[in-house]
Protein backbone atom coordinates (compact mmCIF):
# COMPACT_ATOMS: atom_id res chain seq x y z
CA UNK A 1 0.11 0.10 0.17
CA UNK A 2 2.77 2.36 -0.87
CA UNK A 3 0.63 4.98 -2.38
CA UNK A 4 -2.45 3.99 -1.02
CA UNK A 5 -5.02 7.02 -0.78
CA UNK A 6 -5.80 6.24 2.54
CA UNK A 7 -2.32 6.73 3.42
CA UNK A 8 -2.21 10.20 2.16
CA UNK A 9 -5.67 11.06 3.59
CA UNK A 10 -4.73 10.00 6.87
CA UNK A 11 -1.97 13.29 6.93
CA UNK A 12 -5.23 15.52 6.53
CA UNK A 13 -7.34 13.89 8.89
CA UNK A 14 -8.64 16.31 11.82
CA UNK A 15 -9.11 13.28 13.71
CA UNK A 16 -6.39 11.99 15.95
CA UNK A 17 -5.35 8.49 16.03
CA UNK A 18 -3.53 8.69 19.44
CA UNK A 19 -3.73 5.04 20.60
CA UNK A 20 -3.04 3.08 17.44
CA UNK A 21 0.25 2.39 15.92
CA UNK A 22 -1.69 0.16 13.15
CA UNK A 23 -4.45 -1.76 12.35
CA UNK A 24 -5.72 -4.63 14.88
CA UNK A 25 -6.17 -8.13 14.34
CA UNK A 26 -9.88 -9.30 15.12
CA UNK A 27 -11.13 -11.31 17.72
CA UNK A 28 -14.70 -12.09 19.11
CA UNK A 29 -15.77 -9.59 21.45
CA UNK A 30 -16.73 -11.42 25.21
CA UNK A 31 -19.38 -9.33 27.19
CA UNK A 32 -18.04 -8.62 30.55
CA UNK A 33 -19.79 -10.81 33.56
CA UNK A 34 -16.70 -10.34 36.00
CA UNK A 35 -17.21 -8.46 38.88
CA UNK A 36 -16.71 -4.69 38.45
CA UNK A 37 -18.06 -1.37 37.44
CA UNK A 38 -19.45 -0.23 33.88
CA UNK A 39 -19.06 3.37 33.02
CA UNK A 40 -22.15 5.41 32.51
CA UNK A 41 -22.92 7.02 29.32
CA UNK A 42 -25.38 10.18 29.04
CA UNK A 43 -26.66 12.14 26.15
CA UNK A 44 -28.23 11.36 22.98
CA UNK A 45 -27.14 9.18 19.93
CA UNK A 46 -25.56 12.13 17.61
CA UNK A 47 -24.49 14.14 20.37
CA UNK A 48 -21.23 14.17 22.24
CA UNK A 49 -21.71 11.78 25.32
CA UNK A 50 -20.97 12.16 28.68
CA UNK A 51 -18.81 9.53 30.15
CA UNK A 52 -18.58 8.93 33.96
CA UNK A 53 -17.61 6.03 36.10
CA UNK A 54 -18.32 5.19 39.74
CA UNK A 55 -16.40 6.79 42.34
CA UNK A 56 -13.81 4.46 43.79
CA UNK A 57 -15.24 1.73 41.67
CA UNK A 58 -13.18 -0.92 40.08
CA UNK A 59 -13.98 -1.53 36.39
CA UNK A 60 -14.94 -4.92 34.60
CA UNK A 61 -11.95 -6.99 34.33
CA UNK A 62 -13.64 -8.40 31.00
CA UNK A 63 -14.46 -6.23 27.74
CA UNK A 64 -18.05 -5.13 27.78
CA UNK A 65 -20.08 -4.39 25.04
CA UNK A 66 -23.50 -2.70 25.59
CA UNK A 67 -26.10 -0.99 23.51
CA UNK A 68 -26.75 2.61 25.57
CA UNK A 69 -29.72 3.34 23.12
CA UNK A 70 -30.99 1.41 19.84
CA UNK A 71 -31.66 3.16 16.58
CA UNK A 72 -33.82 1.99 13.76
CA UNK A 73 -33.87 0.55 10.24
CA UNK A 74 -31.72 -2.32 9.02
CA UNK A 75 -29.13 -3.83 11.24
CA UNK A 76 -25.73 -3.48 10.38
CA UNK A 77 -24.12 -6.58 8.73
CA UNK A 78 -20.81 -8.00 8.44
CA UNK A 79 -18.82 -5.90 5.72
CA UNK A 80 -21.31 -2.79 5.26
CA UNK A 81 -19.81 0.43 4.82
CA UNK A 82 -20.56 2.74 7.87
CA UNK A 83 -20.03 6.30 8.91
CA UNK A 84 -20.03 6.81 12.55
CA UNK A 85 -18.81 9.21 15.65
CA UNK A 86 -17.08 8.12 18.28
CA UNK A 87 -14.85 9.04 21.40
CA UNK A 88 -12.64 7.22 23.65
CA UNK A 89 -11.54 7.80 27.42
CA UNK A 90 -9.53 6.22 30.18
CA UNK A 91 -11.15 4.88 33.10
CA UNK A 92 -10.81 7.60 35.66
CA UNK A 93 -8.84 9.80 33.05
CA UNK A 94 -11.66 11.90 32.79
CA UNK A 95 -9.90 13.32 29.31
CA UNK A 96 -10.77 12.57 25.67
CA UNK A 97 -8.08 10.68 24.17
CA UNK A 98 -9.58 10.73 20.63
CA UNK A 99 -12.53 10.70 18.05
CA UNK A 100 -14.93 12.69 15.98
CA UNK A 101 -16.04 14.86 18.69
CA UNK A 102 -12.66 16.14 19.44
CA UNK A 103 -12.34 17.61 16.28
CA UNK A 104 -12.17 21.38 15.84
CA UNK A 105 -15.35 22.92 15.26
CA UNK A 106 -16.23 24.19 11.53
CA UNK A 107 -18.72 27.04 12.97
CA UNK A 108 -21.24 25.44 10.71
CA UNK A 109 -19.30 26.05 7.34
CA UNK A 110 -18.87 22.25 6.56
CA UNK A 111 -20.09 19.15 8.11
CA UNK A 112 -18.08 17.64 11.06
CA UNK A 113 -15.63 15.22 10.12
CA UNK A 114 -16.64 11.70 11.02
CA UNK A 115 -15.26 8.07 10.27
CA UNK A 116 -15.89 6.31 7.45
CA UNK A 117 -15.10 2.37 7.77
CA UNK A 118 -15.88 -1.05 6.33
CA UNK A 119 -16.85 -3.81 8.86
CA UNK A 120 -14.34 -6.30 9.04
CA UNK A 121 -11.38 -4.30 7.50
CA UNK A 122 -8.49 -2.63 9.61
CA UNK A 123 -8.92 0.79 10.33
CA UNK A 124 -6.56 3.68 11.06
CA UNK A 125 -8.64 4.78 13.83
CA UNK A 126 -10.46 2.27 15.57
CA UNK A 127 -9.46 -1.33 16.93
CA UNK A 128 -11.25 -4.01 14.88
CA UNK A 129 -12.98 -5.23 18.19
CA UNK A 130 -14.52 -1.72 18.67
CA UNK A 131 -15.44 -1.53 15.07
CA UNK A 132 -17.10 -4.96 15.17
CA UNK A 133 -19.35 -3.94 18.12
CA UNK A 134 -21.35 -2.39 15.80
CA UNK A 135 -22.05 -5.39 13.84
CA UNK A 136 -25.98 -6.36 14.20
CA UNK A 137 -26.96 -2.86 15.78
CA UNK A 138 -28.80 -0.16 14.05
CA UNK A 139 -27.99 3.23 12.62
CA UNK A 140 -28.56 5.92 15.30
CA UNK A 141 -27.56 3.62 17.94
CA UNK A 142 -25.17 4.39 20.91
CA UNK A 143 -22.71 1.56 21.75
CA UNK A 144 -20.27 1.21 24.70
CA UNK A 145 -17.12 -0.81 24.58
CA UNK A 146 -15.27 -1.22 27.53
CA UNK A 147 -12.07 -3.18 28.18
CA UNK A 148 -8.24 -3.26 28.71
CA UNK A 149 -5.94 -1.55 26.08
CA UNK A 150 -4.34 -4.84 25.96
CA UNK A 151 -7.45 -6.72 24.77
CA UNK A 152 -8.95 -4.06 22.49
CA UNK A 153 -5.56 -2.76 21.07
CA UNK A 154 -3.29 -5.75 21.93
CA UNK A 155 0.16 -5.52 20.25
CA UNK A 156 -0.59 -2.41 18.21
CA UNK A 157 -1.23 -0.30 21.38
CA UNK A 158 1.31 2.51 20.68
CA UNK A 159 3.75 3.07 23.40
CA UNK A 160 4.02 6.99 22.91
CA UNK A 161 0.40 7.33 23.68
CA UNK A 162 0.85 6.84 27.72
CA UNK A 163 -1.56 3.87 27.81
CA UNK A 164 -0.65 0.84 29.42
CA UNK A 165 -1.90 -2.87 28.48
CA UNK A 166 -3.87 -2.61 32.05
CA UNK A 167 -5.58 0.59 31.53
CA UNK A 168 -9.26 0.29 31.12
CA UNK A 169 -10.60 2.26 28.01
CA UNK A 170 -13.83 3.47 27.07
CA UNK A 171 -15.25 3.85 23.75
CA UNK A 172 -18.50 5.05 22.89
CA UNK A 173 -19.69 4.63 19.53
CA UNK A 174 -22.72 6.06 17.30
CA UNK A 175 -23.12 4.38 13.91
CA UNK A 176 -24.56 7.10 11.69
CA UNK A 177 -25.69 5.20 8.89
CA UNK A 178 -24.77 2.13 7.03
CA UNK A 179 -24.86 0.49 3.44
CA UNK A 180 -23.99 -2.68 1.78
CA UNK A 181 -21.85 -2.28 -1.59
CA UNK A 182 -20.04 -4.75 -3.62
CA UNK A 183 -16.47 -4.46 -3.27
CA UNK A 184 -16.27 -5.27 -6.91
CA UNK A 185 -18.94 -3.11 -8.15
CA UNK A 186 -18.14 -0.52 -10.83
CA UNK A 187 -19.67 2.09 -12.85
CA UNK A 188 -21.67 1.02 -15.71
CA UNK A 189 -22.69 2.25 -18.90
CA UNK A 190 -21.49 4.14 -22.03
CA UNK A 191 -18.33 6.01 -21.31
CA UNK A 192 -17.99 9.78 -23.00
CA UNK A 193 -14.89 10.28 -25.28
CA UNK A 194 -12.43 12.92 -23.43
CA UNK A 195 -13.16 16.41 -24.14
CA UNK A 196 -10.33 18.69 -25.39
CA UNK A 197 -7.21 18.74 -23.55
CA UNK A 198 -8.46 16.19 -20.80
CA UNK A 199 -6.32 12.74 -20.44
CA UNK A 200 -8.13 9.46 -22.13
CA UNK A 201 -9.39 6.72 -20.06
CA UNK A 202 -9.82 3.11 -20.92
CA UNK A 203 -11.35 1.25 -17.84
CA UNK A 204 -11.42 -2.52 -18.32
CA UNK A 205 -13.90 -4.45 -16.11
CA UNK A 206 -12.78 -5.25 -12.64
CA UNK A 207 -9.26 -3.60 -13.35
CA UNK A 208 -7.41 0.15 -12.71
CA UNK A 209 -8.29 2.47 -15.11
CA UNK A 210 -5.39 3.16 -18.05
CA UNK A 211 -5.43 6.96 -17.64
CA UNK A 212 -3.11 8.51 -20.85
CA UNK A 213 -2.11 12.21 -20.55
CA UNK A 214 -2.36 14.01 -23.55
CA UNK A 215 1.17 14.95 -25.08
CA UNK A 216 2.45 18.48 -25.14
CA UNK A 217 -0.44 19.62 -23.30
CA UNK A 218 0.62 21.58 -20.01
CA UNK A 219 -1.29 20.72 -16.65
CA UNK A 220 -3.97 22.98 -15.86
CA UNK A 221 -3.75 25.21 -12.99
CA UNK A 222 -7.31 25.16 -12.05
CA UNK A 223 -9.54 22.06 -11.04
CA UNK A 224 -10.89 20.05 -14.28
CA UNK A 225 -13.48 17.56 -14.34
CA UNK A 226 -15.67 15.34 -16.43
CA UNK A 227 -18.38 12.92 -15.89
CA UNK A 228 -17.63 9.95 -18.31
CA UNK A 229 -20.62 8.04 -17.29
CA UNK A 230 -23.63 9.41 -15.83
CA UNK A 231 -25.44 7.68 -12.90
CA UNK A 232 -28.93 7.85 -11.90
CA UNK A 233 -28.81 7.74 -8.27
CA UNK A 234 -28.82 10.33 -5.64
CA UNK A 235 -26.68 13.04 -5.47
CA UNK A 236 -23.65 13.19 -3.22
CA UNK A 237 -23.72 15.39 -0.36
CA UNK A 238 -21.04 17.07 1.77
CA UNK A 239 -20.54 15.35 4.82
CA UNK A 240 -21.63 11.91 3.27
CA UNK A 241 -19.27 8.93 3.47
CA UNK A 242 -18.65 8.16 -0.45
CA UNK A 243 -18.26 4.67 -1.47
CA UNK A 244 -15.95 4.58 -4.26
CA UNK A 245 -13.34 2.89 -6.66
CA UNK A 246 -10.55 4.83 -8.16
CA UNK A 247 -7.28 5.34 -10.17
CA UNK A 248 -4.86 8.01 -9.82
CA UNK A 249 -1.54 8.66 -11.95
CA UNK A 250 0.60 11.95 -12.20
CA UNK A 251 0.29 14.46 -15.06
CA UNK A 252 4.06 14.71 -15.25
CA UNK A 253 4.86 11.13 -16.33
CA UNK A 254 1.44 9.37 -16.73
CA UNK A 255 2.37 6.72 -13.79
CA UNK A 256 0.12 5.10 -11.91
CA UNK A 257 0.57 5.85 -8.35
CA UNK A 258 -2.53 4.03 -6.67
CA UNK A 259 -5.82 2.66 -7.67
CA UNK A 260 -8.24 0.90 -5.16
CA UNK A 261 -8.62 -2.20 -7.66
CA UNK A 262 -4.92 -2.72 -6.26
CA UNK A 263 -6.07 -2.90 -2.43
CA UNK A 264 -9.02 -5.22 -2.57
CA UNK A 265 -11.74 -3.03 -4.33
CA UNK A 266 -13.84 -0.40 -3.26
CA UNK A 267 -12.89 2.15 -0.39
CA UNK A 268 -14.71 4.77 1.75
CA UNK A 269 -14.18 8.06 3.04
CA UNK A 270 -15.94 11.14 4.18
CA UNK A 271 -16.78 13.65 1.25
CA UNK A 272 -16.89 17.39 1.73
CA UNK A 273 -15.45 18.01 5.09
CA UNK A 274 -11.66 18.27 4.39
CA UNK A 275 -11.00 14.80 5.16
CA UNK A 276 -9.70 14.18 1.56
CA UNK A 277 -7.65 16.44 -0.86
CA UNK A 278 -9.50 19.62 -1.92
CA UNK A 279 -9.96 18.56 -5.69
CA UNK A 280 -11.91 15.42 -4.35
CA UNK A 281 -13.98 17.66 -2.12
CA UNK A 282 -14.90 20.20 -5.03
CA UNK A 283 -15.21 17.64 -7.74
CA UNK A 284 -17.10 14.90 -6.22
CA UNK A 285 -19.88 16.61 -3.69
CA UNK A 286 -22.75 17.22 -6.19
CA UNK A 287 -22.22 14.41 -8.26
CA UNK A 288 -24.33 11.24 -8.67
CA UNK A 289 -24.11 7.82 -7.48
CA UNK A 290 -23.31 5.91 -10.47
CA UNK A 291 -21.22 8.27 -11.96
CA UNK A 292 -17.36 7.85 -13.55
CA UNK A 293 -15.73 11.08 -12.80
CA UNK A 294 -12.21 12.16 -14.51
CA UNK A 295 -10.68 14.82 -12.22
CA UNK A 296 -7.29 16.64 -12.82
CA UNK A 297 -6.06 17.99 -9.78
CA UNK A 298 -3.37 20.97 -9.44
CA UNK A 299 -0.89 20.46 -6.34
CA UNK A 300 -2.62 23.53 -4.56
CA UNK A 301 -5.97 21.32 -4.38
CA UNK A 302 -3.78 17.97 -4.05
CA UNK A 303 -1.16 17.19 -1.51
CA UNK A 304 0.86 20.52 -2.03
CA UNK A 305 -0.35 21.71 1.48
CA UNK A 306 1.36 18.59 2.65
CA UNK A 307 4.97 19.04 1.76
CA UNK A 308 6.19 16.00 2.92
CA UNK A 309 4.22 14.18 0.97
CA UNK A 310 5.81 12.51 -2.30
CA UNK A 311 2.75 14.21 -4.48
CA UNK A 312 3.31 17.44 -3.28
CA UNK A 313 4.26 18.59 -6.81
CA UNK A 314 2.48 16.59 -8.88
CA UNK A 315 -0.97 17.27 -10.66
CA UNK A 316 -2.79 14.63 -10.08
CA UNK A 317 -5.23 12.78 -12.64
CA UNK A 318 -8.33 10.31 -11.02
CA UNK A 319 -10.66 8.32 -12.61
CA UNK A 320 -13.45 7.78 -9.60
CA UNK A 321 -16.50 5.64 -9.83
CA UNK A 322 -19.21 6.62 -7.17
CA UNK A 323 -20.83 3.36 -6.12
CA UNK A 324 -22.70 4.52 -3.04
CA UNK A 325 -23.34 6.92 0.00
CA UNK A 326 -23.75 6.43 3.64
């Protein structure tokens, strides 16, 4: 995953992943029945939770998974894509260690950043055991996951976090929405010819697209975009989780640097909140599910704001198939 889109996205996320050094392996959760206390969670799902623990009480020695409040709709299934809010505190620490609620307020100018994940796949922000706790729950629920860092995070616990394996951590997770999307899905329909000055795209089924940059044409200074296949799904709105296939090449040499097809298929991310490069936010919000979109993104709207990125000086060309939203 040397140039996986998620790697570059992670540098732009406002949500800190304080505890994890890498994604965790998965084990079955075990509901706690050992003697000991369980944190109290107050507040409605969709609002920042208030976590309290019994005074002078000792926490349960086993992992606890509880539904604090139940939502409505279809239960979340294994492999579903989910958009969710979360927070994590240490038992007795009374301090938020990370989460979507910890992100700086935008003052209502843009939707708040949330996490978008696929159940059953590694996450850069949540331990697999915590993410798995939303399976079988309904969107709009509030879920408590409490356990030791050693049990929930295991060998991937970040030693610089100041958290030890024996420390008890309290996660509160609010799944906002969920959607099942085939990881091998792709945009379907007749593809339009490229507009003048735009790259040529050949997109064989189930493979990364081949993108040919026009010879002798200077890279545009502004964002350029074209809908190659017009879908008939709902319009993409800022703040939604967007599920997509994509391929990216550098305008300067035409070389591919990443494709979802090289990493197991469809991926998901929040759109319109600054969680991804600005060219994606500007080019994909307002498009429709089912669209295939060609984007040419100048460095100022790509990774130019991240000078350490290997793509900071490159104009990026992406072909994006919009498969769904969550």
